[in-house]
Amino acid sequence: MRILLDECVNSQGHECHSARYAGLGGLENGELLKEAEAAKYDVLLTVDRGIQYEQNLSGRKIAVIVFCAKSIGLRDLLPHVPACLVHLESIQPGQVSRIGS
């Protein structure tokens, strides 16, 4: 199964884009965060469990939510979407939230 996340507005009204769709595909974490902020994104969703240790997020205009699932497969990530939606309601710029184990 091949799935492409293009652009969506979910039932909570969040506008979502993949990094590739936003023209940010292939950028490393530091550059990705910088360019995402410049493009006025509020939150970066990632599976990179080390991002908070590799990047200084204090003072950033963007927040980060890290999915900690068994794998990066859709089947393992989807169960964490409800928790992600809850985190989106209160996360603040510069914060990192981890979802899952």
PDB file of N, CA and C in Angstrom:
ATOM      1  N   MET A   1       0.850  -1.169   0.000  1.00  0.00           N
ATOM      2  CA  MET A   1       0.000   0.000   0.000  1.00  0.00           C
ATOM      3  C   MET A   1       0.896   1.233   0.000  1.00  0.00           C
ATOM      4  N   ARG A   2       0.639   2.158  -0.905  1.00  0.00           N
ATOM      5  CA  ARG A   2       1.388   3.415  -0.947  1.00  0.00           C
ATOM      6  C   ARG A   2       0.420   4.539  -0.611  1.00  0.00           C
ATOM      7  N   ILE A   3       0.804   5.350   0.365  1.00  0.00           N
ATOM      8  CA  ILE A   3      -0.057   6.454   0.795  1.00  0.00           C
ATOM      9  C   ILE A   3       0.748   7.737   0.732  1.00  0.00           C
ATOM     10  N   LEU A   4       0.194   8.750   0.150  1.00  0.00           N
ATOM     11  CA  LEU A   4       0.833  10.051   0.083  1.00  0.00           C
ATOM     12  C   LEU A   4       0.007  11.031   0.887  1.00  0.00           C
ATOM     13  N   LEU A   5       0.621  11.644   1.883  1.00  0.00           N
ATOM     14  CA  LEU A   5      -0.051  12.707   2.620  1.00  0.00           C
ATOM     15  C   LEU A   5       0.183  13.968   1.825  1.00  0.00           C
ATOM     16  N   ASP A   6      -0.851  14.475   1.225  1.00  0.00           N
ATOM     17  CA  ASP A   6      -0.737  15.654   0.384  1.00  0.00           C
ATOM     18  C   ASP A   6      -1.127  16.867   1.206  1.00  0.00           C
ATOM     19  N   GLU A   7      -2.369  17.184   1.265  1.00  0.00           N
ATOM     20  CA  GLU A   7      -2.851  18.292   2.070  1.00  0.00           C
ATOM     21  C   GLU A   7      -4.187  17.870   2.631  1.00  0.00           C
ATOM     22  N   CYS A   8      -4.402  18.159   3.894  1.00  0.00           N
ATOM     23  CA  CYS A   8      -5.680  17.788   4.487  1.00  0.00           C
ATOM     24  C   CYS A   8      -6.054  18.798   5.550  1.00  0.00           C
ATOM     25  N   VAL A   9      -7.312  18.911   5.794  1.00  0.00           N
ATOM     26  CA  VAL A   9      -7.809  19.642   6.944  1.00  0.00           C
ATOM     27  C   VAL A   9      -8.651  18.644   7.701  1.00  0.00           C
ATOM     28  N   ASN A  10      -8.193  18.277   8.911  1.00  0.00           N
ATOM     29  CA  ASN A  10      -8.925  17.249   9.641  1.00  0.00           C
ATOM     30  C   ASN A  10     -10.126  17.854  10.356  1.00  0.00           C
ATOM     31  N   SER A  11     -10.849  17.032  11.037  1.00  0.00           N
ATOM     32  CA  SER A  11     -12.081  17.486  11.675  1.00  0.00           C
ATOM     33  C   SER A  11     -11.829  18.502  12.778  1.00  0.00           C
ATOM     34  N   GLN A  12     -10.606  18.581  13.278  1.00  0.00           N
ATOM     35  CA  GLN A  12     -10.289  19.581  14.291  1.00  0.00           C
ATOM     36  C   GLN A  12      -9.829  20.894  13.652  1.00  0.00           C
ATOM     37  N   GLY A  13      -9.777  20.954  12.344  1.00  0.00           N
ATOM     38  CA  GLY A  13      -9.439  22.189  11.650  1.00  0.00           C
ATOM     39  C   GLY A  13      -7.953  22.445  11.503  1.00  0.00           C
ATOM     40  N   HIS A  14      -7.102  21.450  11.725  1.00  0.00           N
ATOM     41  CA  HIS A  14      -5.663  21.625  11.563  1.00  0.00           C
ATOM     42  C   HIS A  14      -5.289  21.445  10.101  1.00  0.00           C
ATOM     43  N   GLU A  15      -4.524  22.377   9.577  1.00  0.00           N
ATOM     44  CA  GLU A  15      -4.033  22.266   8.211  1.00  0.00           C
ATOM     45  C   GLU A  15      -2.730  21.473   8.244  1.00  0.00           C
ATOM     46  N   CYS A  16      -2.642  20.411   7.452  1.00  0.00           N
ATOM     47  CA  CYS A  16      -1.486  19.510   7.499  1.00  0.00           C
ATOM     48  C   CYS A  16      -0.836  19.393   6.131  1.00  0.00           C
ATOM     49  N   HIS A  17       0.498  19.383   6.120  1.00  0.00           N
ATOM     50  CA  HIS A  17       1.262  19.158   4.895  1.00  0.00           C
ATOM     51  C   HIS A  17       2.430  18.239   5.215  1.00  0.00           C
ATOM     52  N   SER A  18       2.833  17.448   4.257  1.00  0.00           N
ATOM     53  CA  SER A  18       4.069  16.697   4.422  1.00  0.00           C
ATOM     54  C   SER A  18       5.227  17.645   4.144  1.00  0.00           C
ATOM     55  N   ALA A  19       6.409  17.316   4.658  1.00  0.00           N
ATOM     56  CA  ALA A  19       7.589  18.152   4.405  1.00  0.00           C
ATOM     57  C   ALA A  19       7.849  18.244   2.903  1.00  0.00           C
ATOM     58  N   ARG A  20       7.682  17.147   2.210  1.00  0.00           N
ATOM     59  CA  ARG A  20       7.906  17.150   0.760  1.00  0.00           C
ATOM     60  C   ARG A  20       6.928  18.076   0.056  1.00  0.00           C
ATOM     61  N   TYR A  21       5.656  17.991   0.423  1.00  0.00           N
ATOM     62  CA  TYR A  21       4.635  18.842  -0.194  1.00  0.00           C
ATOM     63  C   TYR A  21       4.932  20.321   0.054  1.00  0.00           C
ATOM     64  N   ALA A  22       5.440  20.629   1.240  1.00  0.00           N
ATOM     65  CA  ALA A  22       5.736  22.016   1.608  1.00  0.00           C
ATOM     66  C   ALA A  22       7.049  22.513   1.003  1.00  0.00           C
ATOM     67  N   GLY A  23       7.727  21.659   0.238  1.00  0.00           N
ATOM     68  CA  GLY A  23       8.993  22.054  -0.373  1.00  0.00           C
ATOM     69  C   GLY A  23      10.168  21.954   0.584  1.00  0.00           C
ATOM     70  N   LEU A  24       9.995  21.224   1.688  1.00  0.00           N
ATOM     71  CA  LEU A  24      11.033  21.113   2.705  1.00  0.00           C
ATOM     72  C   LEU A  24      11.615  19.705   2.783  1.00  0.00           C
ATOM     73  N   GLY A  25      11.237  18.831   1.866  1.00  0.00           N
ATOM     74  CA  GLY A  25      11.731  17.466   1.868  1.00  0.00           C
ATOM     75  C   GLY A  25      13.240  17.417   1.687  1.00  0.00           C
ATOM     76  N   GLY A  26      13.877  16.500   2.388  1.00  0.00           N
ATOM     77  CA  GLY A  26      15.322  16.316   2.258  1.00  0.00           C
ATOM     78  C   GLY A  26      16.154  17.199   3.164  1.00  0.00           C
ATOM     79  N   LEU A  27      15.530  18.131   3.878  1.00  0.00           N
ATOM     80  CA  LEU A  27      16.286  19.002   4.782  1.00  0.00           C
ATOM     81  C   LEU A  27      16.605  18.264   6.079  1.00  0.00           C
ATOM     82  N   GLU A  28      17.782  18.519   6.628  1.00  0.00           N
ATOM     83  CA  GLU A  28      18.157  17.953   7.921  1.00  0.00           C
ATOM     84  C   GLU A  28      17.403  18.692   9.022  1.00  0.00           C
ATOM     85  N   ASN A  29      17.386  18.134  10.231  1.00  0.00           N
ATOM     86  CA  ASN A  29      16.561  18.659  11.322  1.00  0.00           C
ATOM     87  C   ASN A  29      16.729  20.148  11.590  1.00  0.00           C
ATOM     88  N   GLY A  30      17.952  20.621  11.753  1.00  0.00           N
ATOM     89  CA  GLY A  30      18.160  22.039  12.055  1.00  0.00           C
ATOM     90  C   GLY A  30      17.637  22.941  10.960  1.00  0.00           C
ATOM     91  N   GLU A  31      17.962  22.597   9.731  1.00  0.00           N
ATOM     92  CA  GLU A  31      17.499  23.382   8.592  1.00  0.00           C
ATOM     93  C   GLU A  31      15.988  23.229   8.410  1.00  0.00           C
ATOM     94  N   LEU A  32      15.468  22.034   8.651  1.00  0.00           N
ATOM     95  CA  LEU A  32      14.033  21.805   8.541  1.00  0.00           C
ATOM     96  C   LEU A  32      13.270  22.665   9.543  1.00  0.00           C
ATOM     97  N   LEU A  33      13.737  22.702  10.781  1.00  0.00           N
ATOM     98  CA  LEU A  33      13.088  23.539  11.797  1.00  0.00           C
ATOM     99  C   LEU A  33      13.124  25.008  11.401  1.00  0.00           C
ATOM    100  N   LYS A  34      14.266  25.469  10.934  1.00  0.00           N
ATOM    101  CA  LYS A  34      14.420  26.872  10.527  1.00  0.00           C
ATOM    102  C   LYS A  34      13.468  27.231   9.383  1.00  0.00           C
ATOM    103  N   GLU A  35      13.441  26.389   8.367  1.00  0.00           N
ATOM    104  CA  GLU A  35      12.587  26.662   7.206  1.00  0.00           C
ATOM    105  C   GLU A  35      11.103  26.505   7.542  1.00  0.00           C
ATOM    106  N   ALA A  36      10.763  25.552   8.407  1.00  0.00           N
ATOM    107  CA  ALA A  36       9.367  25.384   8.821  1.00  0.00           C
ATOM    108  C   ALA A  36       8.886  26.612   9.587  1.00  0.00           C
ATOM    109  N   GLU A  37       9.743  27.151  10.439  1.00  0.00           N
ATOM    110  CA  GLU A  37       9.380  28.385  11.151  1.00  0.00           C
ATOM    111  C   GLU A  37       9.195  29.536  10.173  1.00  0.00           C
ATOM    112  N   ALA A  38      10.087  29.648   9.215  1.00  0.00           N
ATOM    113  CA  ALA A  38       9.994  30.726   8.224  1.00  0.00           C
ATOM    114  C   ALA A  38       8.702  30.615   7.413  1.00  0.00           C
ATOM    115  N   ALA A  39       8.240  29.374   7.215  1.00  0.00           N
ATOM    116  CA  ALA A  39       7.000  29.141   6.470  1.00  0.00           C
ATOM    117  C   ALA A  39       5.767  29.227   7.366  1.00  0.00           C
ATOM    118  N   LYS A  40       5.975  29.614   8.622  1.00  0.00           N
ATOM    119  CA  LYS A  40       4.885  29.844   9.584  1.00  0.00           C
ATOM    120  C   LYS A  40       4.174  28.570  10.053  1.00  0.00           C
ATOM    121  N   TYR A  41       4.894  27.443  10.073  1.00  0.00           N
ATOM    122  CA  TYR A  41       4.321  26.236  10.661  1.00  0.00           C
ATOM    123  C   TYR A  41       4.423  26.336  12.170  1.00  0.00           C
ATOM    124  N   ASP A  42       3.431  25.804  12.868  1.00  0.00           N
ATOM    125  CA  ASP A  42       3.384  25.859  14.323  1.00  0.00           C
ATOM    126  C   ASP A  42       3.968  24.622  14.983  1.00  0.00           C
ATOM    127  N   VAL A  43       3.816  23.465  14.334  1.00  0.00           N
ATOM    128  CA  VAL A  43       4.217  22.193  14.939  1.00  0.00           C
ATOM    129  C   VAL A  43       4.853  21.306  13.875  1.00  0.00           C
ATOM    130  N   LEU A  44       5.925  20.627  14.267  1.00  0.00           N
ATOM    131  CA  LEU A  44       6.548  19.598  13.447  1.00  0.00           C
ATOM    132  C   LEU A  44       6.228  18.251  14.062  1.00  0.00           C
ATOM    133  N   LEU A  45       5.636  17.340  13.276  1.00  0.00           N
ATOM    134  CA  LEU A  45       5.401  15.971  13.713  1.00  0.00           C
ATOM    135  C   LEU A  45       6.528  15.122  13.143  1.00  0.00           C
ATOM    136  N   THR A  46       7.174  14.327  14.003  1.00  0.00           N
ATOM    137  CA  THR A  46       8.319  13.548  13.559  1.00  0.00           C
ATOM    138  C   THR A  46       8.377  12.200  14.270  1.00  0.00           C
ATOM    139  N   VAL A  47       9.138  11.290  13.700  1.00  0.00           N
ATOM    140  CA  VAL A  47       9.426  10.012  14.351  1.00  0.00           C
ATOM    141  C   VAL A  47      10.874   9.991  14.841  1.00  0.00           C
ATOM    142  N   ASP A  48      11.584  11.104  14.708  1.00  0.00           N
ATOM    143  CA  ASP A  48      12.981  11.213  15.137  1.00  0.00           C
ATOM    144  C   ASP A  48      13.034  11.390  16.644  1.00  0.00           C
ATOM    145  N   ARG A  49      13.294  10.305  17.357  1.00  0.00           N
ATOM    146  CA  ARG A  49      13.296  10.322  18.827  1.00  0.00           C
ATOM    147  C   ARG A  49      14.445  11.131  19.416  1.00  0.00           C
ATOM    148  N   GLY A  50      15.440  11.454  18.635  1.00  0.00           N
ATOM    149  CA  GLY A  50      16.588  12.186  19.154  1.00  0.00           C
ATOM    150  C   GLY A  50      16.564  13.670  18.877  1.00  0.00           C
ATOM    151  N   ILE A  51      15.537  14.170  18.220  1.00  0.00           N
ATOM    152  CA  ILE A  51      15.533  15.570  17.798  1.00  0.00           C
ATOM    153  C   ILE A  51      15.712  16.535  18.961  1.00  0.00           C
ATOM    154  N   GLN A  52      15.112  16.261  20.098  1.00  0.00           N
ATOM    155  CA  GLN A  52      15.215  17.193  21.220  1.00  0.00           C
ATOM    156  C   GLN A  52      16.622  17.201  21.817  1.00  0.00           C
ATOM    157  N   TYR A  53      17.400  16.162  21.568  1.00  0.00           N
ATOM    158  CA  TYR A  53      18.772  16.104  22.070  1.00  0.00           C
ATOM    159  C   TYR A  53      19.765  16.642  21.041  1.00  0.00           C
ATOM    160  N   GLU A  54      19.365  16.616  19.774  1.00  0.00           N
ATOM    161  CA  GLU A  54      20.231  17.066  18.688  1.00  0.00           C
ATOM    162  C   GLU A  54      20.043  18.548  18.358  1.00  0.00           C
ATOM    163  N   GLN A  55      18.889  19.098  18.720  1.00  0.00           N
ATOM    164  CA  GLN A  55      18.564  20.482  18.379  1.00  0.00           C
ATOM    165  C   GLN A  55      18.182  21.262  19.626  1.00  0.00           C
ATOM    166  N   ASN A  56      18.611  22.502  19.695  1.00  0.00           N
ATOM    167  CA  ASN A  56      18.196  23.387  20.782  1.00  0.00           C
ATOM    168  C   ASN A  56      16.845  23.972  20.388  1.00  0.00           C
ATOM    169  N   LEU A  57      15.811  23.567  21.096  1.00  0.00           N
ATOM    170  CA  LEU A  57      14.459  23.995  20.748  1.00  0.00           C
ATOM    171  C   LEU A  57      13.973  25.174  21.575  1.00  0.00           C
ATOM    172  N   SER A  58      14.723  25.560  22.602  1.00  0.00           N
ATOM    173  CA  SER A  58      14.302  26.708  23.405  1.00  0.00           C
ATOM    174  C   SER A  58      14.390  27.969  22.548  1.00  0.00           C
ATOM    175  N   GLY A  59      13.390  28.795  22.670  1.00  0.00           N
ATOM    176  CA  GLY A  59      13.332  30.022  21.882  1.00  0.00           C
ATOM    177  C   GLY A  59      12.799  29.827  20.477  1.00  0.00           C
ATOM    178  N   ARG A  60      12.487  28.617  20.111  1.00  0.00           N
ATOM    179  CA  ARG A  60      11.942  28.355  18.778  1.00  0.00           C
ATOM    180  C   ARG A  60      10.496  28.813  18.691  1.00  0.00           C
ATOM    181  N   LYS A  61      10.068  29.120  17.486  1.00  0.00           N
ATOM    182  CA  LYS A  61       8.679  29.510  17.236  1.00  0.00           C
ATOM    183  C   LYS A  61       7.826  28.304  16.883  1.00  0.00           C
ATOM    184  N   ILE A  62       8.451  27.138  16.818  1.00  0.00           N
ATOM    185  CA  ILE A  62       7.756  25.917  16.428  1.00  0.00           C
ATOM    186  C   ILE A  62       7.841  24.902  17.565  1.00  0.00           C
ATOM    187  N   ALA A  63       6.815  24.103  17.709  1.00  0.00           N
ATOM    188  CA  ALA A  63       6.799  23.014  18.687  1.00  0.00           C
ATOM    189  C   ALA A  63       7.046  21.705  17.934  1.00  0.00           C
ATOM    190  N   VAL A  64       7.397  20.660  18.681  1.00  0.00           N
ATOM    191  CA  VAL A  64       7.688  19.367  18.066  1.00  0.00           C
ATOM    192  C   VAL A  64       6.919  18.277  18.813  1.00  0.00           C
ATOM    193  N   ILE A  65       6.264  17.420  18.057  1.00  0.00           N
ATOM    194  CA  ILE A  65       5.631  16.232  18.620  1.00  0.00           C
ATOM    195  C   ILE A  65       6.332  15.024  18.018  1.00  0.00           C
ATOM    196  N   VAL A  66       6.875  14.173  18.906  1.00  0.00           N
ATOM    197  CA  VAL A  66       7.615  12.991  18.486  1.00  0.00           C
ATOM    198  C   VAL A  66       6.735  11.758  18.664  1.00  0.00           C
ATOM    199  N   PHE A  67       6.515  11.025  17.583  1.00  0.00           N
ATOM    200  CA  PHE A  67       5.786   9.769  17.644  1.00  0.00           C
ATOM    201  C   PHE A  67       6.774   8.661  17.990  1.00  0.00           C
ATOM    202  N   CYS A  68       6.560   7.995  19.111  1.00  0.00           N
ATOM    203  CA  CYS A  68       7.410   6.884  19.551  1.00  0.00           C
ATOM    204  C   CYS A  68       6.602   5.597  19.423  1.00  0.00           C
ATOM    205  N   ALA A  69       6.585   5.054  18.235  1.00  0.00           N
ATOM    206  CA  ALA A  69       5.811   3.846  17.954  1.00  0.00           C
ATOM    207  C   ALA A  69       6.751   2.670  17.714  1.00  0.00           C
ATOM    208  N   LYS A  70       6.169   1.494  17.621  1.00  0.00           N
ATOM    209  CA  LYS A  70       6.931   0.265  17.382  1.00  0.00           C
ATOM    210  C   LYS A  70       7.745   0.379  16.092  1.00  0.00           C
ATOM    211  N   SER A  71       7.167   1.023  15.081  1.00  0.00           N
ATOM    212  CA  SER A  71       7.841   1.247  13.803  1.00  0.00           C
ATOM    213  C   SER A  71       7.295   2.544  13.208  1.00  0.00           C
ATOM    214  N   ILE A  72       7.813   2.924  12.063  1.00  0.00           N
ATOM    215  CA  ILE A  72       7.288   4.119  11.395  1.00  0.00           C
ATOM    216  C   ILE A  72       6.204   3.750  10.386  1.00  0.00           C
ATOM    217  N   GLY A  73       5.741   2.515  10.449  1.00  0.00           N
ATOM    218  CA  GLY A  73       4.660   2.069   9.575  1.00  0.00           C
ATOM    219  C   GLY A  73       3.337   2.686   9.987  1.00  0.00           C
ATOM    220  N   LEU A  74       2.511   2.927   8.999  1.00  0.00           N
ATOM    221  CA  LEU A  74       1.209   3.548   9.236  1.00  0.00           C
ATOM    222  C   LEU A  74       0.394   2.784  10.275  1.00  0.00           C
ATOM    223  N   ARG A  75       0.447   1.474  10.236  1.00  0.00           N
ATOM    224  CA  ARG A  75      -0.301   0.649  11.182  1.00  0.00           C
ATOM    225  C   ARG A  75       0.109   0.938  12.629  1.00  0.00           C
ATOM    226  N   ASP A  76       1.386   1.217  12.864  1.00  0.00           N
ATOM    227  CA  ASP A  76       1.868   1.500  14.220  1.00  0.00           C
ATOM    228  C   ASP A  76       1.693   2.955  14.620  1.00  0.00           C
ATOM    229  N   LEU A  77       1.628   3.858  13.645  1.00  0.00           N
ATOM    230  CA  LEU A  77       1.491   5.290  13.946  1.00  0.00           C
ATOM    231  C   LEU A  77       0.035   5.713  14.177  1.00  0.00           C
ATOM    232  N   LEU A  78      -0.886   5.151  13.412  1.00  0.00           N
ATOM    233  CA  LEU A  78      -2.291   5.572  13.488  1.00  0.00           C
ATOM    234  C   LEU A  78      -2.900   5.520  14.894  1.00  0.00           C
ATOM    235  N   PRO A  79      -2.604   4.516  15.720  1.00  0.00           N
ATOM    236  CA  PRO A  79      -3.189   4.510  17.055  1.00  0.00           C
ATOM    237  C   PRO A  79      -2.782   5.702  17.928  1.00  0.00           C
ATOM    238  N   HIS A  80      -1.732   6.408  17.537  1.00  0.00           N
ATOM    239  CA  HIS A  80      -1.258   7.542  18.325  1.00  0.00           C
ATOM    240  C   HIS A  80      -1.853   8.887  17.883  1.00  0.00           C
ATOM    241  N   VAL A  81      -2.631   8.870  16.815  1.00  0.00           N
ATOM    242  CA  VAL A  81      -3.215  10.115  16.304  1.00  0.00           C
ATOM    243  C   VAL A  81      -4.151  10.783  17.320  1.00  0.00           C
ATOM    244  N   PRO A  82      -5.025  10.062  18.015  1.00  0.00           N
ATOM    245  CA  PRO A  82      -5.886  10.740  19.001  1.00  0.00           C
ATOM    246  C   PRO A  82      -5.072  11.473  20.080  1.00  0.00           C
ATOM    247  N   ALA A  83      -3.989  10.858  20.567  1.00  0.00           N
ATOM    248  CA  ALA A  83      -3.144  11.529  21.567  1.00  0.00           C
ATOM    249  C   ALA A  83      -2.469  12.755  20.958  1.00  0.00           C
ATOM    250  N   CYS A  84      -2.084  12.654  19.698  1.00  0.00           N
ATOM    251  CA  CYS A  84      -1.471  13.800  19.013  1.00  0.00           C
ATOM    252  C   CYS A  84      -2.446  14.969  18.955  1.00  0.00           C
ATOM    253  N   LEU A  85      -3.693  14.698  18.625  1.00  0.00           N
ATOM    254  CA  LEU A  85      -4.700  15.761  18.554  1.00  0.00           C
ATOM    255  C   LEU A  85      -4.892  16.443  19.907  1.00  0.00           C
ATOM    256  N   VAL A  86      -4.808  15.670  20.982  1.00  0.00           N
ATOM    257  CA  VAL A  86      -4.906  16.247  22.332  1.00  0.00           C
ATOM    258  C   VAL A  86      -3.709  17.164  22.590  1.00  0.00           C
ATOM    259  N   HIS A  87      -2.507  16.705  22.240  1.00  0.00           N
ATOM    260  CA  HIS A  87      -1.297  17.507  22.451  1.00  0.00           C
ATOM    261  C   HIS A  87      -1.336  18.801  21.640  1.00  0.00           C
ATOM    262  N   LEU A  88      -1.916  18.745  20.449  1.00  0.00           N
ATOM    263  CA  LEU A  88      -1.981  19.935  19.604  1.00  0.00           C
ATOM    264  C   LEU A  88      -2.785  21.068  20.248  1.00  0.00           C
ATOM    265  N   GLU A  89      -3.695  20.716  21.132  1.00  0.00           N
ATOM    266  CA  GLU A  89      -4.527  21.733  21.775  1.00  0.00           C
ATOM    267  C   GLU A  89      -3.754  22.598  22.769  1.00  0.00           C
ATOM    268  N   SER A  90      -2.647  22.075  23.315  1.00  0.00           N
ATOM    269  CA  SER A  90      -1.965  22.829  24.377  1.00  0.00           C
ATOM    270  C   SER A  90      -0.470  23.036  24.169  1.00  0.00           C
ATOM    271  N   ILE A  91       0.126  22.420  23.170  1.00  0.00           N
ATOM    272  CA  ILE A  91       1.567  22.543  22.986  1.00  0.00           C
ATOM    273  C   ILE A  91       1.946  23.982  22.645  1.00  0.00           C
ATOM    274  N   GLN A  92       3.070  24.408  23.167  1.00  0.00           N
ATOM    275  CA  GLN A  92       3.536  25.782  22.991  1.00  0.00           C
ATOM    276  C   GLN A  92       4.832  25.800  22.171  1.00  0.00           C
ATOM    277  N   PRO A  93       5.148  26.907  21.512  1.00  0.00           N
ATOM    278  CA  PRO A  93       6.390  27.002  20.764  1.00  0.00           C
ATOM    279  C   PRO A  93       7.596  26.639  21.638  1.00  0.00           C
ATOM    280  N   GLY A  94       8.525  25.886  21.070  1.00  0.00           N
ATOM    281  CA  GLY A  94       9.710  25.468  21.796  1.00  0.00           C
ATOM    282  C   GLY A  94       9.546  24.210  22.612  1.00  0.00           C
ATOM    283  N   GLN A  95       8.316  23.739  22.774  1.00  0.00           N
ATOM    284  CA  GLN A  95       8.067  22.524  23.562  1.00  0.00           C
ATOM    285  C   GLN A  95       8.212  21.277  22.680  1.00  0.00           C
ATOM    286  N   VAL A  96       8.544  20.173  23.356  1.00  0.00           N
ATOM    287  CA  VAL A  96       8.586  18.864  22.712  1.00  0.00           C
ATOM    288  C   VAL A  96       7.653  17.946  23.497  1.00  0.00           C
ATOM    289  N   SER A  97       6.774  17.275  22.786  1.00  0.00           N
ATOM    290  CA  SER A  97       5.898  16.274  23.400  1.00  0.00           C
ATOM    291  C   SER A  97       6.197  14.941  22.737  1.00  0.00           C
ATOM    292  N   ARG A  98       6.249  13.893  23.548  1.00  0.00           N
ATOM    293  CA  ARG A  98       6.470  12.542  23.038  1.00  0.00           C
ATOM    294  C   ARG A  98       5.181  11.751  23.203  1.00  0.00           C
ATOM    295  N   ILE A  99       4.809  11.049  22.136  1.00  0.00           N
ATOM    296  CA  ILE A  99       3.587  10.257  22.156  1.00  0.00           C
ATOM    297  C   ILE A  99       3.984   8.803  21.940  1.00  0.00           C
ATOM    298  N   GLY A 100       3.497   7.924  22.783  1.00  0.00           N
ATOM    299  CA  GLY A 100       3.788   6.502  22.657  1.00  0.00           C
ATOM    300  C   GLY A 100       4.868   6.077  23.625  1.00  0.00           C
ATOM    301  N   SER A 101       5.369   4.865  23.428  1.00  0.00           N
ATOM    302  CA  SER A 101       6.343   4.302  24.365  1.00  0.00           C
ATOM    303  C   SER A 101       7.761   4.679  24.043  1.00  0.00           C
TER     304      SER A 101
END
